Amino acid sequence: MLTIEPGPGGVVVVAGRLDAAQAPAAQAFLDTVEGAATLDCARLEYISSAGLGVLLKTQKRLLGSGGKLRLTGLSPHLRDIFVYSGFDQLFEIDPAA
C-alpha cells in the first residue's frame, strides 16, 4: 500500500511501498508537481526499480523546466539503495535524514 499526498509547506509525503503495483498512481500524482519539490520519504518502507523509475522520470521532467526533486527522510536502507544504484548522484538527498 502506498500513500502519496501534499504535506505542509509544499512537501510531498510518501508512505508505504513504492513498487510496480503502485508506480502508476505515484507517477500520476508526481506528474502534477512543478518547480523545486521535496519528497518526504520518512515513512517510505520500500522502493523497487519501478519506483526508482518514477522518481527518475519526475526528476528529468522537473530539471527540464528549471526545477528539481529533493529527497528527505530516507532510512539507512533506502539511502543504501540510492547509493548502490548511483541515484544519489541524480537527486539532492537531505544529509540530515
N, C-alpha and C. Protein backbone atom coordinates (compact mmCIF):
# COMPACT_ATOMS: atom_id res chain seq x y z
N MET A 1 0.84 -1.19 0.00
CA MET A 1 0.00 0.00 0.00
C MET A 1 0.88 1.25 0.00
N LEU A 2 0.47 2.23 -0.76
CA LEU A 2 1.22 3.47 -0.85
C LEU A 2 0.27 4.63 -0.68
N THR A 3 0.71 5.62 0.08
CA THR A 3 0.01 6.90 0.10
C THR A 3 1.00 7.96 -0.33
N ILE A 4 0.51 8.87 -1.14
CA ILE A 4 1.33 9.99 -1.59
C ILE A 4 0.41 11.20 -1.65
N GLU A 5 0.77 12.23 -0.89
CA GLU A 5 -0.12 13.37 -0.75
C GLU A 5 0.67 14.63 -0.41
N PRO A 6 0.07 15.79 -0.67
CA PRO A 6 0.73 17.03 -0.29
C PRO A 6 0.82 17.15 1.22
N GLY A 7 1.96 17.63 1.70
CA GLY A 7 2.14 17.85 3.12
C GLY A 7 2.33 19.34 3.39
N PRO A 8 2.72 19.67 4.60
CA PRO A 8 2.91 21.08 4.95
C PRO A 8 4.06 21.71 4.18
N GLY A 9 3.91 22.96 3.82
CA GLY A 9 4.97 23.70 3.15
C GLY A 9 5.29 23.22 1.75
N GLY A 10 4.33 22.59 1.10
CA GLY A 10 4.55 22.14 -0.27
C GLY A 10 5.34 20.85 -0.39
N VAL A 11 5.64 20.22 0.72
CA VAL A 11 6.36 18.94 0.71
C VAL A 11 5.39 17.85 0.26
N VAL A 12 5.89 16.89 -0.49
CA VAL A 12 5.09 15.73 -0.88
C VAL A 12 5.47 14.60 0.07
N VAL A 13 4.47 14.04 0.76
CA VAL A 13 4.72 12.98 1.74
C VAL A 13 4.36 11.64 1.11
N VAL A 14 5.31 10.73 1.14
CA VAL A 14 5.10 9.39 0.59
C VAL A 14 5.29 8.38 1.71
N ALA A 15 4.39 7.40 1.77
CA ALA A 15 4.44 6.40 2.83
C ALA A 15 4.05 5.04 2.27
N GLY A 16 4.67 4.00 2.78
CA GLY A 16 4.34 2.64 2.36
C GLY A 16 5.37 2.09 1.40
N ARG A 17 4.86 1.38 0.38
CA ARG A 17 5.72 0.69 -0.58
C ARG A 17 5.53 1.27 -1.98
N LEU A 18 6.62 1.73 -2.56
CA LEU A 18 6.58 2.25 -3.93
C LEU A 18 7.15 1.16 -4.84
N ASP A 19 6.25 0.30 -5.31
CA ASP A 19 6.65 -0.82 -6.15
C ASP A 19 5.91 -0.75 -7.48
N ALA A 20 6.04 -1.78 -8.30
CA ALA A 20 5.45 -1.77 -9.64
C ALA A 20 3.93 -1.61 -9.59
N ALA A 21 3.29 -2.18 -8.60
CA ALA A 21 1.83 -2.08 -8.50
C ALA A 21 1.39 -0.65 -8.18
N GLN A 22 2.21 0.09 -7.44
CA GLN A 22 1.87 1.45 -7.01
C GLN A 22 2.46 2.53 -7.90
N ALA A 23 3.37 2.15 -8.79
CA ALA A 23 4.08 3.12 -9.63
C ALA A 23 3.15 4.00 -10.46
N PRO A 24 2.11 3.45 -11.12
CA PRO A 24 1.26 4.33 -11.94
C PRO A 24 0.56 5.42 -11.12
N ALA A 25 0.07 5.09 -9.94
CA ALA A 25 -0.59 6.09 -9.10
C ALA A 25 0.41 7.14 -8.62
N ALA A 26 1.62 6.70 -8.25
CA ALA A 26 2.65 7.64 -7.81
C ALA A 26 3.04 8.55 -8.96
N GLN A 27 3.18 8.00 -10.16
CA GLN A 27 3.56 8.81 -11.31
C GLN A 27 2.48 9.83 -11.63
N ALA A 28 1.23 9.41 -11.56
CA ALA A 28 0.13 10.33 -11.83
C ALA A 28 0.15 11.50 -10.87
N PHE A 29 0.42 11.24 -9.58
CA PHE A 29 0.48 12.31 -8.60
C PHE A 29 1.69 13.21 -8.87
N LEU A 30 2.87 12.60 -9.07
CA LEU A 30 4.09 13.37 -9.25
C LEU A 30 4.08 14.16 -10.55
N ASP A 31 3.29 13.74 -11.52
CA ASP A 31 3.17 14.49 -12.77
C ASP A 31 2.52 15.86 -12.55
N THR A 32 1.87 16.05 -11.42
CA THR A 32 1.23 17.33 -11.11
C THR A 32 2.16 18.28 -10.37
N VAL A 33 3.32 17.78 -9.92
CA VAL A 33 4.27 18.57 -9.15
C VAL A 33 5.09 19.45 -10.09
N GLU A 34 5.30 20.69 -9.70
CA GLU A 34 6.08 21.63 -10.52
C GLU A 34 7.17 22.28 -9.69
N GLY A 35 8.20 22.79 -10.38
CA GLY A 35 9.25 23.56 -9.71
C GLY A 35 10.18 22.69 -8.88
N ALA A 36 10.67 23.29 -7.81
CA ALA A 36 11.53 22.57 -6.87
C ALA A 36 10.63 21.92 -5.82
N ALA A 37 10.68 20.60 -5.76
CA ALA A 37 9.80 19.87 -4.85
C ALA A 37 10.61 19.02 -3.90
N THR A 38 10.10 18.85 -2.70
CA THR A 38 10.73 17.99 -1.71
C THR A 38 9.82 16.80 -1.47
N LEU A 39 10.41 15.61 -1.53
CA LEU A 39 9.68 14.37 -1.28
C LEU A 39 10.11 13.84 0.08
N ASP A 40 9.18 13.84 1.03
CA ASP A 40 9.45 13.35 2.39
C ASP A 40 9.27 11.84 2.40
N CYS A 41 10.39 11.12 2.53
CA CYS A 41 10.39 9.66 2.46
C CYS A 41 10.51 9.01 3.83
N ALA A 42 10.26 9.75 4.89
CA ALA A 42 10.46 9.23 6.24
C ALA A 42 9.59 7.99 6.51
N ARG A 43 8.43 7.91 5.86
CA ARG A 43 7.55 6.75 6.08
C ARG A 43 7.53 5.80 4.89
N LEU A 44 8.46 6.00 3.95
CA LEU A 44 8.58 5.09 2.82
C LEU A 44 9.32 3.84 3.29
N GLU A 45 8.68 2.68 3.15
CA GLU A 45 9.24 1.44 3.66
C GLU A 45 10.07 0.69 2.63
N TYR A 46 9.71 0.84 1.35
CA TYR A 46 10.33 0.04 0.29
C TYR A 46 10.21 0.78 -1.03
N ILE A 47 11.23 0.64 -1.87
CA ILE A 47 11.16 1.17 -3.23
C ILE A 47 11.77 0.13 -4.17
N SER A 48 11.04 -0.18 -5.23
CA SER A 48 11.52 -1.13 -6.23
C SER A 48 12.15 -0.36 -7.39
N SER A 49 12.64 -1.10 -8.38
CA SER A 49 13.20 -0.45 -9.56
C SER A 49 12.12 0.35 -10.28
N ALA A 50 10.89 -0.11 -10.24
CA ALA A 50 9.79 0.65 -10.85
C ALA A 50 9.59 1.97 -10.11
N GLY A 51 9.71 1.95 -8.79
CA GLY A 51 9.60 3.17 -8.00
C GLY A 51 10.74 4.12 -8.29
N LEU A 52 11.94 3.59 -8.44
CA LEU A 52 13.09 4.43 -8.80
C LEU A 52 12.85 5.07 -10.16
N GLY A 53 12.25 4.31 -11.07
CA GLY A 53 11.93 4.84 -12.40
C GLY A 53 10.97 6.01 -12.34
N VAL A 54 9.99 5.92 -11.45
CA VAL A 54 9.02 7.02 -11.27
C VAL A 54 9.76 8.28 -10.81
N LEU A 55 10.64 8.12 -9.83
CA LEU A 55 11.39 9.27 -9.33
C LEU A 55 12.31 9.84 -10.39
N LEU A 56 12.95 8.96 -11.18
CA LEU A 56 13.85 9.43 -12.23
C LEU A 56 13.08 10.19 -13.31
N LYS A 57 11.95 9.67 -13.71
CA LYS A 57 11.14 10.35 -14.73
C LYS A 57 10.70 11.73 -14.23
N THR A 58 10.30 11.78 -12.96
CA THR A 58 9.88 13.06 -12.37
C THR A 58 11.05 14.03 -12.30
N GLN A 59 12.21 13.53 -11.90
CA GLN A 59 13.40 14.39 -11.81
C GLN A 59 13.77 14.96 -13.18
N LYS A 60 13.75 14.12 -14.20
CA LYS A 60 14.10 14.59 -15.55
C LYS A 60 13.12 15.67 -16.01
N ARG A 61 11.84 15.47 -15.76
CA ARG A 61 10.83 16.45 -16.16
C ARG A 61 11.03 17.77 -15.42
N LEU A 62 11.26 17.69 -14.12
CA LEU A 62 11.45 18.91 -13.33
C LEU A 62 12.73 19.65 -13.72
N LEU A 63 13.81 18.91 -13.94
CA LEU A 63 15.07 19.56 -14.34
C LEU A 63 14.91 20.26 -15.68
N GLY A 64 14.10 19.70 -16.56
CA GLY A 64 13.87 20.30 -17.87
C GLY A 64 13.18 21.64 -17.80
N SER A 65 12.48 21.89 -16.70
CA SER A 65 11.77 23.16 -16.55
C SER A 65 12.39 24.03 -15.44
N GLY A 66 13.64 23.71 -15.06
CA GLY A 66 14.33 24.53 -14.07
C GLY A 66 14.05 24.16 -12.63
N GLY A 67 13.35 23.06 -12.40
CA GLY A 67 13.06 22.61 -11.04
C GLY A 67 13.95 21.44 -10.66
N LYS A 68 13.58 20.76 -9.60
CA LYS A 68 14.29 19.55 -9.17
C LYS A 68 13.48 18.85 -8.10
N LEU A 69 13.83 17.60 -7.87
CA LEU A 69 13.20 16.80 -6.83
C LEU A 69 14.25 16.54 -5.77
N ARG A 70 13.95 16.95 -4.55
CA ARG A 70 14.84 16.78 -3.40
C ARG A 70 14.23 15.72 -2.50
N LEU A 71 15.04 14.82 -1.99
CA LEU A 71 14.55 13.74 -1.13
C LEU A 71 15.00 13.98 0.31
N THR A 72 14.12 13.73 1.22
CA THR A 72 14.45 13.88 2.64
C THR A 72 13.85 12.70 3.41
N GLY A 73 14.45 12.40 4.54
CA GLY A 73 13.91 11.38 5.43
C GLY A 73 14.18 9.95 5.01
N LEU A 74 15.15 9.73 4.13
CA LEU A 74 15.43 8.35 3.71
C LEU A 74 16.00 7.54 4.86
N SER A 75 15.47 6.34 5.06
CA SER A 75 16.02 5.43 6.06
C SER A 75 17.41 4.98 5.58
N PRO A 76 18.23 4.46 6.48
CA PRO A 76 19.55 3.98 6.05
C PRO A 76 19.45 2.94 4.93
N HIS A 77 18.46 2.05 5.01
CA HIS A 77 18.30 1.03 3.97
C HIS A 77 17.98 1.66 2.62
N LEU A 78 17.05 2.61 2.60
CA LEU A 78 16.69 3.26 1.34
C LEU A 78 17.83 4.12 0.83
N ARG A 79 18.55 4.77 1.73
CA ARG A 79 19.71 5.56 1.31
C ARG A 79 20.73 4.65 0.64
N ASP A 80 20.94 3.44 1.18
CA ASP A 80 21.86 2.48 0.56
C ASP A 80 21.43 2.13 -0.85
N ILE A 81 20.12 1.95 -1.07
CA ILE A 81 19.61 1.64 -2.41
C ILE A 81 19.98 2.76 -3.37
N PHE A 82 19.80 4.01 -2.93
CA PHE A 82 20.13 5.15 -3.79
C PHE A 82 21.63 5.22 -4.07
N VAL A 83 22.45 4.91 -3.07
CA VAL A 83 23.90 4.94 -3.26
C VAL A 83 24.34 3.82 -4.20
N TYR A 84 23.86 2.60 -3.97
CA TYR A 84 24.29 1.45 -4.77
C TYR A 84 23.83 1.57 -6.22
N SER A 85 22.71 2.21 -6.44
CA SER A 85 22.19 2.37 -7.80
C SER A 85 22.76 3.60 -8.51
N GLY A 86 23.48 4.44 -7.75
CA GLY A 86 24.02 5.67 -8.31
C GLY A 86 23.02 6.81 -8.34
N PHE A 87 21.81 6.57 -7.84
CA PHE A 87 20.78 7.60 -7.84
C PHE A 87 21.08 8.72 -6.86
N ASP A 88 22.00 8.48 -5.94
CA ASP A 88 22.40 9.57 -5.03
C ASP A 88 23.10 10.68 -5.79
N GLN A 89 23.59 10.39 -7.01
CA GLN A 89 24.22 11.41 -7.85
C GLN A 89 23.19 12.18 -8.66
N LEU A 90 21.96 11.68 -8.73
CA LEU A 90 20.93 12.29 -9.55
C LEU A 90 19.95 13.14 -8.75
N PHE A 91 19.93 12.93 -7.45
CA PHE A 91 18.98 13.63 -6.58
C PHE A 91 19.73 14.34 -5.46
N GLU A 92 19.19 15.45 -5.02
CA GLU A 92 19.66 16.07 -3.80
C GLU A 92 19.01 15.32 -2.66
N ILE A 93 19.82 14.72 -1.81
CA ILE A 93 19.32 13.95 -0.67
C ILE A 93 19.73 14.65 0.60
N ASP A 94 18.74 14.96 1.43
CA ASP A 94 18.99 15.68 2.68
C ASP A 94 19.95 14.87 3.54
N PRO A 95 21.16 15.40 3.82
CA PRO A 95 22.13 14.66 4.59
C PRO A 95 21.77 14.49 6.06
N ALA A 96 20.87 15.32 6.54
CA ALA A 96 20.49 15.25 7.96
C ALA A 96 19.51 14.13 8.23
N ALA A 97 18.94 13.54 7.18
CA ALA A 97 17.93 12.49 7.37
C ALA A 97 18.57 11.16 7.66
